[in-house]
Each structure stands twice: as structure tokens, then as C-alpha cells.
Amino acid sequence: MGPLSGGSLILIAIVALLIFGPKKLPELGKAAGSTLREFKNATKGLADDDDEKPNTQKEKA
């Protein structure tokens, strides 16, 4: 399956507008953005921790 086409995105936007209403959509977008930002920061921290673990294990051995 390929990426979503323009028509599919418009249909999804219309359905979201009907379900949540125009006043709630900006709040949902803001919440989704902050969630993605937190996830990105957390995964970056995990990757940094993985890089540091081999060094500390060599020092202990």
C-alpha cells in the first residue's frame, strides 16, 4: 500500500471535524504534538543511555 492520497487526507479531516467539532480539533492537535515531542525526547534519552552503557561495563570489568 502506498502513502495516503490527497482525497484520503481530506476525507479523514472531514470525519475528524464531524466527530470532534471545530472547537476541539486545535486542542487535539496540540496534545498530539506535545505527545510526539515527549516521545521523541524519551527515545533520544534511551539511545543516549545505550551509547553510555558499553563504556561503563568496560570500566567495571
PDB file of N, CA and C in Angstrom:
ATOM      1  N   MET A   1       0.845  -1.181   0.000  1.00  0.00           N
ATOM      2  CA  MET A   1       0.000   0.000   0.000  1.00  0.00           C
ATOM      3  C   MET A   1       0.887   1.240   0.000  1.00  0.00           C
ATOM      4  N   GLY A   2       0.508   2.214  -0.764  1.00  0.00           N
ATOM      5  CA  GLY A   2       1.273   3.442  -0.851  1.00  0.00           C
ATOM      6  C   GLY A   2       0.839   4.455   0.189  1.00  0.00           C
ATOM      7  N   PRO A   3       1.451   5.601   0.136  1.00  0.00           N
ATOM      8  CA  PRO A   3       1.076   6.659   1.085  1.00  0.00           C
ATOM      9  C   PRO A   3      -0.352   7.153   0.830  1.00  0.00           C
ATOM     10  N   LEU A   4      -0.893   7.837   1.793  1.00  0.00           N
ATOM     11  CA  LEU A   4      -2.253   8.340   1.661  1.00  0.00           C
ATOM     12  C   LEU A   4      -2.321   9.397   0.569  1.00  0.00           C
ATOM     13  N   SER A   5      -3.355   9.329  -0.237  1.00  0.00           N
ATOM     14  CA  SER A   5      -3.531  10.318  -1.287  1.00  0.00           C
ATOM     15  C   SER A   5      -4.219  11.557  -0.721  1.00  0.00           C
ATOM     16  N   GLY A   6      -4.289  12.601  -1.522  1.00  0.00           N
ATOM     17  CA  GLY A   6      -4.915  13.848  -1.094  1.00  0.00           C
ATOM     18  C   GLY A   6      -6.383  13.666  -0.739  1.00  0.00           C
ATOM     19  N   GLY A   7      -7.091  12.861  -1.518  1.00  0.00           N
ATOM     20  CA  GLY A   7      -8.504  12.608  -1.247  1.00  0.00           C
ATOM     21  C   GLY A   7      -8.720  11.894   0.077  1.00  0.00           C
ATOM     22  N   SER A   8      -7.829  10.968   0.389  1.00  0.00           N
ATOM     23  CA  SER A   8      -7.937  10.239   1.657  1.00  0.00           C
ATOM     24  C   SER A   8      -7.719  11.171   2.839  1.00  0.00           C
ATOM     25  N   LEU A   9      -6.743  12.063   2.723  1.00  0.00           N
ATOM     26  CA  LEU A   9      -6.472  13.009   3.796  1.00  0.00           C
ATOM     27  C   LEU A   9      -7.643  13.963   4.021  1.00  0.00           C
ATOM     28  N   ILE A  10      -8.270  14.396   2.947  1.00  0.00           N
ATOM     29  CA  ILE A  10      -9.427  15.285   3.052  1.00  0.00           C
ATOM     30  C   ILE A  10     -10.588  14.546   3.725  1.00  0.00           C
ATOM     31  N   LEU A  11     -10.803  13.298   3.344  1.00  0.00           N
ATOM     32  CA  LEU A  11     -11.870  12.503   3.950  1.00  0.00           C
ATOM     33  C   LEU A  11     -11.616  12.305   5.443  1.00  0.00           C
ATOM     34  N   ILE A  12     -10.384  12.025   5.828  1.00  0.00           N
ATOM     35  CA  ILE A  12     -10.044  11.865   7.249  1.00  0.00           C
ATOM     36  C   ILE A  12     -10.279  13.166   8.003  1.00  0.00           C
ATOM     37  N   ALA A  13      -9.908  14.296   7.408  1.00  0.00           N
ATOM     38  CA  ALA A  13     -10.110  15.591   8.056  1.00  0.00           C
ATOM     39  C   ALA A  13     -11.594  15.885   8.248  1.00  0.00           C
ATOM     40  N   ILE A  14     -12.416  15.566   7.262  1.00  0.00           N
ATOM     41  CA  ILE A  14     -13.862  15.810   7.359  1.00  0.00           C
ATOM     42  C   ILE A  14     -14.476  14.933   8.455  1.00  0.00           C
ATOM     43  N   VAL A  15     -14.072  13.675   8.509  1.00  0.00           N
ATOM     44  CA  VAL A  15     -14.605  12.771   9.535  1.00  0.00           C
ATOM     45  C   VAL A  15     -14.184  13.253  10.919  1.00  0.00           C
ATOM     46  N   ALA A  16     -12.920  13.669  11.078  1.00  0.00           N
ATOM     47  CA  ALA A  16     -12.458  14.178  12.371  1.00  0.00           C
ATOM     48  C   ALA A  16     -13.225  15.430  12.763  1.00  0.00           C
ATOM     49  N   LEU A  17     -13.503  16.292  11.812  1.00  0.00           N
ATOM     50  CA  LEU A  17     -14.268  17.515  12.075  1.00  0.00           C
ATOM     51  C   LEU A  17     -15.683  17.178  12.529  1.00  0.00           C
ATOM     52  N   LEU A  18     -16.297  16.188  11.896  1.00  0.00           N
ATOM     53  CA  LEU A  18     -17.647  15.789  12.281  1.00  0.00           C
ATOM     54  C   LEU A  18     -17.679  15.135  13.661  1.00  0.00           C
ATOM     55  N   ILE A  19     -16.663  14.345  13.976  1.00  0.00           N
ATOM     56  CA  ILE A  19     -16.650  13.629  15.253  1.00  0.00           C
ATOM     57  C   ILE A  19     -16.331  14.565  16.410  1.00  0.00           C
ATOM     58  N   PHE A  20     -15.268  15.363  16.267  1.00  0.00           N
ATOM     59  CA  PHE A  20     -14.786  16.160  17.388  1.00  0.00           C
ATOM     60  C   PHE A  20     -15.277  17.596  17.393  1.00  0.00           C
ATOM     61  N   GLY A  21     -15.651  18.134  16.256  1.00  0.00           N
ATOM     62  CA  GLY A  21     -16.112  19.507  16.182  1.00  0.00           C
ATOM     63  C   GLY A  21     -14.956  20.475  15.995  1.00  0.00           C
ATOM     64  N   PRO A  22     -15.257  21.657  15.475  1.00  0.00           N
ATOM     65  CA  PRO A  22     -14.186  22.610  15.154  1.00  0.00           C
ATOM     66  C   PRO A  22     -13.486  23.204  16.375  1.00  0.00           C
ATOM     67  N   LYS A  23     -14.144  23.232  17.516  1.00  0.00           N
ATOM     68  CA  LYS A  23     -13.515  23.819  18.704  1.00  0.00           C
ATOM     69  C   LYS A  23     -12.533  22.861  19.360  1.00  0.00           C
ATOM     70  N   LYS A  24     -12.748  21.573  19.207  1.00  0.00           N
ATOM     71  CA  LYS A  24     -11.918  20.572  19.887  1.00  0.00           C
ATOM     72  C   LYS A  24     -10.683  20.184  19.069  1.00  0.00           C
ATOM     73  N   LEU A  25     -10.709  20.353  17.740  1.00  0.00           N
ATOM     74  CA  LEU A  25      -9.598  19.920  16.899  1.00  0.00           C
ATOM     75  C   LEU A  25      -8.267  20.598  17.234  1.00  0.00           C
ATOM     76  N   PRO A  26      -8.211  21.921  17.453  1.00  0.00           N
ATOM     77  CA  PRO A  26      -6.916  22.524  17.806  1.00  0.00           C
ATOM     78  C   PRO A  26      -6.342  21.977  19.110  1.00  0.00           C
ATOM     79  N   GLU A  27      -7.205  21.708  20.075  1.00  0.00           N
ATOM     80  CA  GLU A  27      -6.736  21.132  21.336  1.00  0.00           C
ATOM     81  C   GLU A  27      -6.161  19.734  21.111  1.00  0.00           C
ATOM     82  N   LEU A  28      -6.822  18.935  20.270  1.00  0.00           N
ATOM     83  CA  LEU A  28      -6.331  17.587  19.978  1.00  0.00           C
ATOM     84  C   LEU A  28      -5.000  17.642  19.236  1.00  0.00           C
ATOM     85  N   GLY A  29      -4.863  18.576  18.320  1.00  0.00           N
ATOM     86  CA  GLY A  29      -3.603  18.736  17.596  1.00  0.00           C
ATOM     87  C   GLY A  29      -2.468  19.132  18.516  1.00  0.00           C
ATOM     88  N   LYS A  30      -2.754  20.036  19.434  1.00  0.00           N
ATOM     89  CA  LYS A  30      -1.738  20.478  20.392  1.00  0.00           C
ATOM     90  C   LYS A  30      -1.331  19.315  21.295  1.00  0.00           C
ATOM     91  N   ALA A  31      -2.297  18.537  21.750  1.00  0.00           N
ATOM     92  CA  ALA A  31      -1.997  17.382  22.603  1.00  0.00           C
ATOM     93  C   ALA A  31      -1.184  16.341  21.841  1.00  0.00           C
ATOM     94  N   ALA A  32      -1.523  16.107  20.594  1.00  0.00           N
ATOM     95  CA  ALA A  32      -0.777  15.133  19.787  1.00  0.00           C
ATOM     96  C   ALA A  32       0.658  15.614  19.568  1.00  0.00           C
ATOM     97  N   GLY A  33       0.839  16.903  19.321  1.00  0.00           N
ATOM     98  CA  GLY A  33       2.177  17.452  19.135  1.00  0.00           C
ATOM     99  C   GLY A  33       3.032  17.330  20.380  1.00  0.00           C
ATOM    100  N   SER A  34       2.454  17.625  21.527  1.00  0.00           N
ATOM    101  CA  SER A  34       3.226  17.516  22.771  1.00  0.00           C
ATOM    102  C   SER A  34       3.548  16.060  23.091  1.00  0.00           C
ATOM    103  N   THR A  35       2.635  15.153  22.760  1.00  0.00           N
ATOM    104  CA  THR A  35       2.901  13.730  22.976  1.00  0.00           C
ATOM    105  C   THR A  35       4.046  13.258  22.096  1.00  0.00           C
ATOM    106  N   LEU A  36       4.041  13.652  20.827  1.00  0.00           N
ATOM    107  CA  LEU A  36       5.126  13.269  19.929  1.00  0.00           C
ATOM    108  C   LEU A  36       6.459  13.863  20.384  1.00  0.00           C
ATOM    109  N   ARG A  37       6.432  15.087  20.874  1.00  0.00           N
ATOM    110  CA  ARG A  37       7.659  15.729  21.359  1.00  0.00           C
ATOM    111  C   ARG A  37       8.223  14.983  22.563  1.00  0.00           C
ATOM    112  N   GLU A  38       7.346  14.602  23.496  1.00  0.00           N
ATOM    113  CA  GLU A  38       7.788  13.834  24.666  1.00  0.00           C
ATOM    114  C   GLU A  38       8.355  12.481  24.246  1.00  0.00           C
ATOM    115  N   PHE A  39       7.692  11.818  23.313  1.00  0.00           N
ATOM    116  CA  PHE A  39       8.164  10.521  22.833  1.00  0.00           C
ATOM    117  C   PHE A  39       9.531  10.649  22.178  1.00  0.00           C
ATOM    118  N   LYS A  40       9.704  11.687  21.379  1.00  0.00           N
ATOM    119  CA  LYS A  40      10.987  11.909  20.706  1.00  0.00           C
ATOM    120  C   LYS A  40      12.089  12.149  21.732  1.00  0.00           C
ATOM    121  N   ASN A  41      11.821  12.955  22.735  1.00  0.00           N
ATOM    122  CA  ASN A  41      12.814  13.223  23.774  1.00  0.00           C
ATOM    123  C   ASN A  41      13.137  11.967  24.569  1.00  0.00           C
ATOM    124  N   ALA A  42      12.124  11.154  24.854  1.00  0.00           N
ATOM    125  CA  ALA A  42      12.342   9.932  25.621  1.00  0.00           C
ATOM    126  C   ALA A  42      13.169   8.927  24.825  1.00  0.00           C
ATOM    127  N   THR A  43      12.869   8.771  23.552  1.00  0.00           N
ATOM    128  CA  THR A  43      13.634   7.820  22.741  1.00  0.00           C
ATOM    129  C   THR A  43      15.052   8.314  22.524  1.00  0.00           C
ATOM    130  N   LYS A  44      15.243   9.608  22.449  1.00  0.00           N
ATOM    131  CA  LYS A  44      16.596  10.156  22.319  1.00  0.00           C
ATOM    132  C   LYS A  44      17.380   9.852  23.589  1.00  0.00           C
ATOM    133  N   GLY A  45      16.746   9.988  24.738  1.00  0.00           N
ATOM    134  CA  GLY A  45      17.387   9.668  26.002  1.00  0.00           C
ATOM    135  C   GLY A  45      17.756   8.197  26.093  1.00  0.00           C
ATOM    136  N   LEU A  46      16.891   7.308  25.587  1.00  0.00           N
ATOM    137  CA  LEU A  46      17.191   5.883  25.591  1.00  0.00           C
ATOM    138  C   LEU A  46      18.371   5.569  24.694  1.00  0.00           C
ATOM    139  N   ALA A  47      18.430   6.201  23.542  1.00  0.00           N
ATOM    140  CA  ALA A  47      19.546   5.977  22.630  1.00  0.00           C
ATOM    141  C   ALA A  47      20.842   6.473  23.255  1.00  0.00           C
ATOM    142  N   ASP A  48      20.801   7.594  23.962  1.00  0.00           N
ATOM    143  CA  ASP A  48      21.987   8.110  24.641  1.00  0.00           C
ATOM    144  C   ASP A  48      22.416   7.165  25.750  1.00  0.00           C
ATOM    145  N   ASP A  49      21.459   6.596  26.476  1.00  0.00           N
ATOM    146  CA  ASP A  49      21.768   5.644  27.544  1.00  0.00           C
ATOM    147  C   ASP A  49      22.429   4.391  26.975  1.00  0.00           C
ATOM    148  N   ASP A  50      21.945   3.926  25.820  1.00  0.00           N
ATOM    149  CA  ASP A  50      22.529   2.737  25.193  1.00  0.00           C
ATOM    150  C   ASP A  50      23.976   2.995  24.786  1.00  0.00           C
ATOM    151  N   ASP A  51      24.271   4.198  24.332  1.00  0.00           N
ATOM    152  CA  ASP A  51      25.631   4.535  23.940  1.00  0.00           C
ATOM    153  C   ASP A  51      26.561   4.555  25.146  1.00  0.00           C
ATOM    154  N   GLU A  52      26.059   4.934  26.304  1.00  0.00           N
ATOM    155  CA  GLU A  52      26.881   5.053  27.504  1.00  0.00           C
ATOM    156  C   GLU A  52      27.084   3.719  28.205  1.00  0.00           C
ATOM    157  N   LYS A  53      26.173   2.779  28.077  1.00  0.00           N
ATOM    158  CA  LYS A  53      26.252   1.516  28.813  1.00  0.00           C
ATOM    159  C   LYS A  53      27.504   0.697  28.475  1.00  0.00           C
ATOM    160  N   PRO A  54      27.890   0.518  27.211  1.00  0.00           N
ATOM    161  CA  PRO A  54      29.091  -0.274  26.942  1.00  0.00           C
ATOM    162  C   PRO A  54      30.349   0.317  27.577  1.00  0.00           C
ATOM    163  N   ASN A  55      30.459   1.614  27.638  1.00  0.00           N
ATOM    164  CA  ASN A  55      31.622   2.251  28.236  1.00  0.00           C
ATOM    165  C   ASN A  55      31.696   1.958  29.729  1.00  0.00           C
ATOM    166  N   THR A  56      30.560   2.030  30.431  1.00  0.00           N
ATOM    167  CA  THR A  56      30.559   1.797  31.874  1.00  0.00           C
ATOM    168  C   THR A  56      30.818   0.324  32.165  1.00  0.00           C
ATOM    169  N   GLN A  57      30.370  -0.588  31.299  1.00  0.00           N
ATOM    170  CA  GLN A  57      30.605  -2.001  31.521  1.00  0.00           C
ATOM    171  C   GLN A  57      32.081  -2.327  31.351  1.00  0.00           C
ATOM    172  N   LYS A  58      32.759  -1.700  30.417  1.00  0.00           N
ATOM    173  CA  LYS A  58      34.179  -1.945  30.215  1.00  0.00           C
ATOM    174  C   LYS A  58      34.984  -1.453  31.414  1.00  0.00           C
ATOM    175  N   GLU A  59      34.563  -0.323  32.001  1.00  0.00           N
ATOM    176  CA  GLU A  59      35.280   0.225  33.145  1.00  0.00           C
ATOM    177  C   GLU A  59      35.111  -0.674  34.360  1.00  0.00           C
ATOM    178  N   LYS A  60      33.932  -1.322  34.523  1.00  0.00           N
ATOM    179  CA  LYS A  60      33.674  -2.184  35.668  1.00  0.00           C
ATOM    180  C   LYS A  60      34.423  -3.500  35.549  1.00  0.00           C
ATOM    181  N   ALA A  61      34.649  -3.972  34.336  1.00  0.00           N
ATOM    182  CA  ALA A  61      35.274  -5.285  34.128  1.00  0.00           C
ATOM    183  C   ALA A  61      36.729  -5.287  34.389  1.00  0.00           C
TER     184      ALA A  61
END
